[in-house]
Structures are given as C-alpha cells and as structure tokens.
C-alpha cells in the first residue's frame, strides 16, 4: 500500500537551485515519486511512497525549510504507485496567478469545513465558486457551484472582476492552494466576505459522512488514480489516451466512445 501526501506551505525560500538538488537526492533515496514545486514564496506538492518514507520526507521538509506546520495537507492511500517518477520543479509562483503571498495577506483568510461549510453553501445568497479547470469541474463538484471556465489559473482574475463585492464568496479547489491565492486577489479588490473550504475537496471527502455530503460526482486528482470518491477511495474514471481528459465508466460504454 502506498501513502499519497499532498501539501503546501507559504514561506520565503532562497537558494532554490541548491534546495532543488538536495531535495531531489532525498526523495530519490527514499524512492518517493510525485512532484514538488519550489518557489520564492513557498512549496507545493503531491508525493507518494511507502508510509515510513513519506514520513521521513515530511520531517526533512520541516527541518530543511524551517517550519513547524504546513498550511494544509491531505493524506490518502493507493494500492499502486500513482506516479511514474519523482520530480522537483522551480517556478515563480507555487500556483501562477500573478500575486505574491506573504504571511500578512494569508492570515486574513476564513476557513470553513464540514457542516459549517455545508450551511454556508446552502444559502442562495452565497456565490459558490469552483476555482478548478473545466474538466475537473465536469468530473464532480458541489451542487449549484459556478466554474469560471478558464483554461489557465492565471486567467482567473478576469472572471473574478465580474463578481459582486457585497456577496459572500465560498471558494474551493482540490487541496486548497488555488483558493488561497485567489482569495488574496479578492481582498486586494475590496472583497470582505470570502470563505475557503479548509483543506480543499480532498479533506472534505475524507472527513464528511456521505449522507451529509453536498458533493456530487467524484474528484479529479493529478495522478494515475485519476479520480477519488468519498473516503478518498479510487473512483471510476480513467484517462482517455486520445484527448487526455478523464472518462467515466459510463462514457466508455457509449457507442460514441472509441
């Protein structure tokens, strides 16, 4: 059984090339696969390996980058190794939107989870925003959510300009990091009632009881599991070798499917 660990941490990081080399050696030594992104504003990644090796990397990351806790984490299991290899990438931002994160602007965020989140998004006055890509939205989302329908996350601000500033905005994404960055943009534009799903969809599906859940469908994940369901069990989607988008078991049975 493999442990899949998703995480992000906003923290000023210097000497990126040196850190990349050292970190790559460490994950290869522990036979860890997946991707970790390094930038001057922090780190973000999803990795997989044996449980003992994943926890060794967690200890190493905290020690090497000098922090006690991640901003957010999610842990699940897979019966197979969901990644082909281990990679470390250096980027300008952990998630590209053209906004820099610092300790001051991220402290303004309001996080909700479980029944409290359900209560907020059940209100008709709440703008429920799915900040993920359109194909992720098609696999599954919360009832009555809106998808900006942008191919690149950096284009999200174009859509956000259209939202009424007086409304309560509830945002969610897979692990939480895209919403963290989008919320900073909204605060800069004068929004005040912005709420984020704590830990993202993955933690919601893991912790909420299915009979209390407002989630519809499955959640796309960026690894060879393709999608997960409640309790983060592997879903019913596979990747189309032609168009490289997720295809459900039902769609594969269609006469139109090749």
Protein backbone atom coordinates (compact mmCIF):
# COMPACT_ATOMS: atom_id res chain seq x y z
CA UNK A 1 0.00 0.00 0.00
CA UNK A 2 1.31 3.44 -0.93
CA UNK A 3 0.72 6.64 1.04
CA UNK A 4 -0.18 9.70 -1.04
CA UNK A 5 0.68 13.00 0.63
CA UNK A 6 -0.45 16.40 -0.68
CA UNK A 7 0.77 19.62 0.93
CA UNK A 8 1.66 23.27 0.57
CA UNK A 9 3.50 25.81 2.68
CA UNK A 10 3.83 29.54 2.06
CA UNK A 11 7.27 30.59 3.27
CA UNK A 12 10.08 32.68 1.87
CA UNK A 13 12.68 30.38 0.28
CA UNK A 14 16.12 31.34 -1.01
CA UNK A 15 18.80 29.39 -2.89
CA UNK A 16 16.19 27.50 -4.91
CA UNK A 17 18.63 25.61 -7.17
CA UNK A 18 20.62 24.37 -4.19
CA UNK A 19 17.43 23.34 -2.39
CA UNK A 20 16.17 21.57 -5.50
CA UNK A 21 19.32 19.45 -5.86
CA UNK A 22 19.36 18.48 -2.19
CA UNK A 23 15.63 17.67 -2.12
CA UNK A 24 15.77 15.61 -5.31
CA UNK A 25 18.57 13.47 -3.85
CA UNK A 26 16.47 12.93 -0.74
CA UNK A 27 13.27 11.81 -2.49
CA UNK A 28 15.15 9.52 -4.86
CA UNK A 29 16.95 7.92 -1.91
CA UNK A 30 13.58 7.18 -0.27
CA UNK A 31 12.04 6.04 -3.60
CA UNK A 32 9.47 8.82 -3.43
CA UNK A 33 7.56 9.69 -6.59
CA UNK A 34 5.40 12.69 -7.48
CA UNK A 35 6.15 16.39 -7.90
CA UNK A 36 7.27 19.11 -5.52
CA UNK A 37 7.22 22.72 -6.71
CA UNK A 38 9.66 25.20 -5.18
CA UNK A 39 9.35 28.96 -5.46
CA UNK A 40 10.46 32.01 -3.54
CA UNK A 41 7.01 32.12 -1.91
CA UNK A 42 6.94 28.50 -0.72
CA UNK A 43 6.48 24.89 -1.72
CA UNK A 44 3.62 22.77 -3.03
CA UNK A 45 3.46 19.10 -3.92
CA UNK A 46 1.86 15.71 -4.05
CA UNK A 47 4.12 12.72 -3.48
CA UNK A 48 3.72 9.01 -2.92
CA UNK A 49 5.72 6.21 -1.37
CA UNK A 50 5.79 3.76 1.50
CA UNK A 51 4.39 5.24 4.70
CA UNK A 52 7.71 5.26 6.56
CA UNK A 53 9.45 7.00 3.66
CA UNK A 54 6.74 9.64 3.32
CA UNK A 55 7.05 10.50 7.00
CA UNK A 56 10.83 10.72 6.63
CA UNK A 57 10.34 13.30 3.87
CA UNK A 58 7.81 15.24 5.96
CA UNK A 59 10.36 15.51 8.80
CA UNK A 60 13.05 16.51 6.32
CA UNK A 61 10.92 19.24 4.70
CA UNK A 62 10.06 20.83 8.05
CA UNK A 63 13.69 20.77 9.16
CA UNK A 64 15.23 21.90 5.86
CA UNK A 65 12.76 24.74 5.25
CA UNK A 66 12.43 25.64 8.95
CA UNK A 67 8.72 25.46 9.71
CA UNK A 68 6.56 23.51 12.17
CA UNK A 69 3.34 23.02 10.24
CA UNK A 70 2.16 23.00 6.64
CA UNK A 71 -0.60 25.42 5.62
CA UNK A 72 -2.58 22.38 4.51
CA UNK A 73 -2.11 18.65 3.99
CA UNK A 74 -4.11 15.69 2.75
CA UNK A 75 -3.27 12.01 3.10
CA UNK A 76 -4.77 9.05 1.25
CA UNK A 77 -3.79 5.53 0.22
CA UNK A 78 -3.35 3.77 -3.10
CA UNK A 79 -2.93 0.08 -3.82
CA UNK A 80 -0.49 1.01 -6.63
CA UNK A 81 2.17 3.68 -7.10
CA UNK A 82 0.18 6.56 -8.68
CA UNK A 83 3.19 8.46 -10.04
CA UNK A 84 5.77 7.48 -12.66
CA UNK A 85 8.76 9.27 -11.13
CA UNK A 86 9.91 11.86 -8.62
CA UNK A 87 10.42 15.46 -9.77
CA UNK A 88 11.36 18.82 -8.24
CA UNK A 89 10.40 21.93 -10.21
CA UNK A 90 11.34 25.57 -9.67
CA UNK A 91 8.65 28.12 -10.56
CA UNK A 92 7.97 31.82 -9.99
CA UNK A 93 4.82 31.00 -8.02
CA UNK A 94 3.57 27.80 -6.40
CA UNK A 95 0.37 28.42 -8.38
CA UNK A 96 0.50 31.06 -11.16
CA UNK A 97 -1.89 33.98 -10.78
CA UNK A 98 0.49 36.94 -10.68
CA UNK A 99 0.08 37.62 -6.95
CA UNK A 100 2.73 37.16 -4.29
CA UNK A 101 1.77 35.55 -0.99
CA UNK A 102 3.11 36.71 2.36
CA UNK A 103 2.28 35.96 6.00
CA UNK A 104 0.14 39.09 6.34
CA UNK A 105 -2.27 38.62 3.45
CA UNK A 106 -2.81 34.90 4.05
CA UNK A 107 -3.79 35.48 7.69
CA UNK A 108 -6.95 37.25 6.52
CA UNK A 109 -8.43 34.04 5.11
CA UNK A 110 -11.51 32.49 6.72
CA UNK A 111 -11.67 28.69 6.63
CA UNK A 112 -14.77 26.52 6.97
CA UNK A 113 -15.22 22.76 6.97
CA UNK A 114 -17.84 20.06 7.41
CA UNK A 115 -21.33 21.12 8.47
CA UNK A 116 -20.33 24.81 8.74
CA UNK A 117 -19.26 24.78 5.09
CA UNK A 118 -22.46 22.96 4.12
CA UNK A 119 -24.57 25.58 5.88
CA UNK A 120 -22.87 28.46 4.06
CA UNK A 121 -23.06 26.97 0.56
CA UNK A 122 -26.73 26.03 1.07
CA UNK A 123 -27.66 29.71 1.24
CA UNK A 124 -29.00 31.09 -2.05
CA UNK A 125 -27.17 34.37 -1.47
CA UNK A 126 -23.74 32.65 -1.39
CA UNK A 127 -21.63 32.68 -4.55
CA UNK A 128 -20.14 29.18 -4.63
CA UNK A 129 -17.00 29.27 -6.77
CA UNK A 130 -15.15 26.20 -8.08
CA UNK A 131 -11.71 27.60 -8.97
CA UNK A 132 -10.52 24.47 -10.79
CA UNK A 133 -10.27 23.82 -14.51
CA UNK A 134 -13.41 22.98 -16.54
CA UNK A 135 -12.56 19.28 -16.98
CA UNK A 136 -12.13 18.89 -13.20
CA UNK A 137 -15.50 20.57 -12.69
CA UNK A 138 -17.13 18.08 -15.08
CA UNK A 139 -15.91 15.10 -13.04
CA UNK A 140 -17.57 16.38 -9.87
CA UNK A 141 -18.40 19.50 -7.86
CA UNK A 142 -20.72 20.92 -5.21
CA UNK A 143 -24.35 21.45 -6.15
CA UNK A 144 -25.04 24.95 -7.53
CA UNK A 145 -21.34 25.80 -7.85
CA UNK A 146 -20.05 28.10 -10.59
CA UNK A 147 -16.96 27.37 -12.65
CA UNK A 148 -15.12 30.33 -14.25
CA UNK A 149 -14.35 28.13 -17.29
CA UNK A 150 -10.76 29.31 -17.73
CA UNK A 151 -8.05 27.03 -19.11
CA UNK A 152 -5.24 28.63 -17.11
CA UNK A 153 -5.41 29.62 -13.45
CA UNK A 154 -3.60 32.88 -14.19
CA UNK A 155 -6.68 33.97 -16.17
CA UNK A 156 -8.98 33.59 -13.15
CA UNK A 157 -8.83 37.31 -12.18
CA UNK A 158 -10.62 38.15 -15.45
CA UNK A 159 -13.64 36.24 -14.18
CA UNK A 160 -13.36 37.43 -10.57
CA UNK A 161 -13.81 41.04 -11.71
CA UNK A 162 -17.44 40.21 -12.60
CA UNK A 163 -18.45 39.15 -9.06
CA UNK A 164 -20.45 41.46 -6.79
CA UNK A 165 -18.22 42.59 -3.91
CA UNK A 166 -21.10 42.64 -1.42
CA UNK A 167 -21.81 38.91 -1.83
CA UNK A 168 -20.45 36.13 0.38
CA UNK A 169 -17.95 34.16 -1.68
CA UNK A 170 -17.31 30.49 -0.88
CA UNK A 171 -14.35 29.08 -2.83
CA UNK A 172 -12.97 25.58 -3.13
CA UNK A 173 -10.39 23.57 -5.06
CA UNK A 174 -8.70 20.16 -4.77
CA UNK A 175 -6.28 20.78 -1.92
CA UNK A 176 -6.86 24.44 -1.07
CA UNK A 177 -3.86 26.22 -2.56
CA UNK A 178 -5.58 27.69 -5.62
CA UNK A 179 -8.23 29.26 -3.39
CA UNK A 180 -5.57 30.67 -1.08
CA UNK A 181 -4.09 32.65 -3.95
CA UNK A 182 -7.43 33.65 -5.45
CA UNK A 183 -8.62 34.97 -2.08
CA UNK A 184 -5.65 37.35 -1.90
CA UNK A 185 -6.71 38.84 -5.23
CA UNK A 186 -10.27 39.31 -3.96
CA UNK A 187 -9.13 41.03 -0.76
CA UNK A 188 -6.98 43.41 -2.79
CA UNK A 189 -10.03 44.28 -4.87
CA UNK A 190 -12.11 45.14 -1.80
CA UNK A 191 -13.97 41.87 -1.11
CA UNK A 192 -14.58 41.18 2.58
CA UNK A 193 -16.80 38.11 2.87
CA UNK A 194 -14.53 35.44 1.39
CA UNK A 195 -14.58 31.89 2.77
CA UNK A 196 -12.41 28.92 1.84
CA UNK A 197 -13.07 25.18 2.16
CA UNK A 198 -10.45 24.13 4.71
CA UNK A 199 -8.11 21.51 3.29
CA UNK A 200 -9.92 21.54 -0.04
CA UNK A 201 -12.18 18.92 -1.58
CA UNK A 202 -9.92 16.03 -0.58
CA UNK A 203 -10.24 16.69 3.14
CA UNK A 204 -13.98 17.28 2.77
CA UNK A 205 -14.49 13.92 1.05
CA UNK A 206 -12.26 12.19 3.58
CA UNK A 207 -13.95 13.56 6.70
CA UNK A 208 -17.59 14.25 5.87
CA UNK A 209 -20.14 11.46 6.12
CA UNK A 210 -21.57 10.53 2.73
CA UNK A 211 -25.16 11.04 3.89
CA UNK A 212 -24.24 14.59 4.99
CA UNK A 213 -22.20 15.41 1.89
CA UNK A 214 -23.22 18.04 -0.66
CA UNK A 215 -20.63 16.83 -3.16
CA UNK A 216 -21.85 15.47 -6.49
CA UNK A 217 -19.71 13.09 -8.53
CA UNK A 218 -16.02 12.39 -8.00
CA UNK A 219 -12.88 14.50 -7.55
CA UNK A 220 -10.21 14.56 -10.24
CA UNK A 221 -6.66 14.10 -8.94
CA UNK A 222 -3.44 14.76 -10.82
CA UNK A 223 -2.05 11.23 -10.68
CA UNK A 224 -2.77 7.79 -12.10
CA UNK A 225 -5.73 7.21 -9.79
CA UNK A 226 -7.49 9.83 -11.99
CA UNK A 227 -10.36 10.38 -9.52
CA UNK A 228 -11.38 9.65 -5.94
CA UNK A 229 -14.72 9.32 -4.13
CA UNK A 230 -15.81 9.70 -0.52
CA UNK A 231 -13.24 8.43 2.00
CA UNK A 232 -10.79 9.01 -0.88
CA UNK A 233 -11.44 5.63 -2.43
CA UNK A 234 -10.31 5.30 -6.05
CA UNK A 235 -13.04 6.44 -8.44
CA UNK A 236 -14.50 5.21 -11.72
CA UNK A 237 -12.62 7.44 -14.16
CA UNK A 238 -9.75 6.61 -16.49
CA UNK A 239 -7.69 8.83 -18.76
CA UNK A 240 -8.60 8.96 -22.46
CA UNK A 241 -5.46 8.24 -24.48
CA UNK A 242 -6.78 10.39 -27.32
CA UNK A 243 -7.90 13.69 -25.79
CA UNK A 244 -6.13 13.27 -22.42
CA UNK A 245 -9.22 14.07 -20.37
CA UNK A 246 -10.92 11.89 -17.71
CA UNK A 247 -13.57 9.48 -18.99
CA UNK A 248 -16.12 7.76 -16.76
CA UNK A 249 -17.07 4.08 -16.88
CA UNK A 250 -20.50 5.11 -18.17
CA UNK A 251 -18.97 7.19 -21.00
CA UNK A 252 -16.74 4.30 -22.05
CA UNK A 253 -19.86 2.20 -22.62
CA UNK A 254 -21.25 4.79 -25.05
CA UNK A 255 -21.41 3.97 -28.77
CA UNK A 256 -19.58 7.24 -29.39
CA UNK A 257 -16.57 6.12 -27.38
CA UNK A 258 -13.55 4.87 -29.36
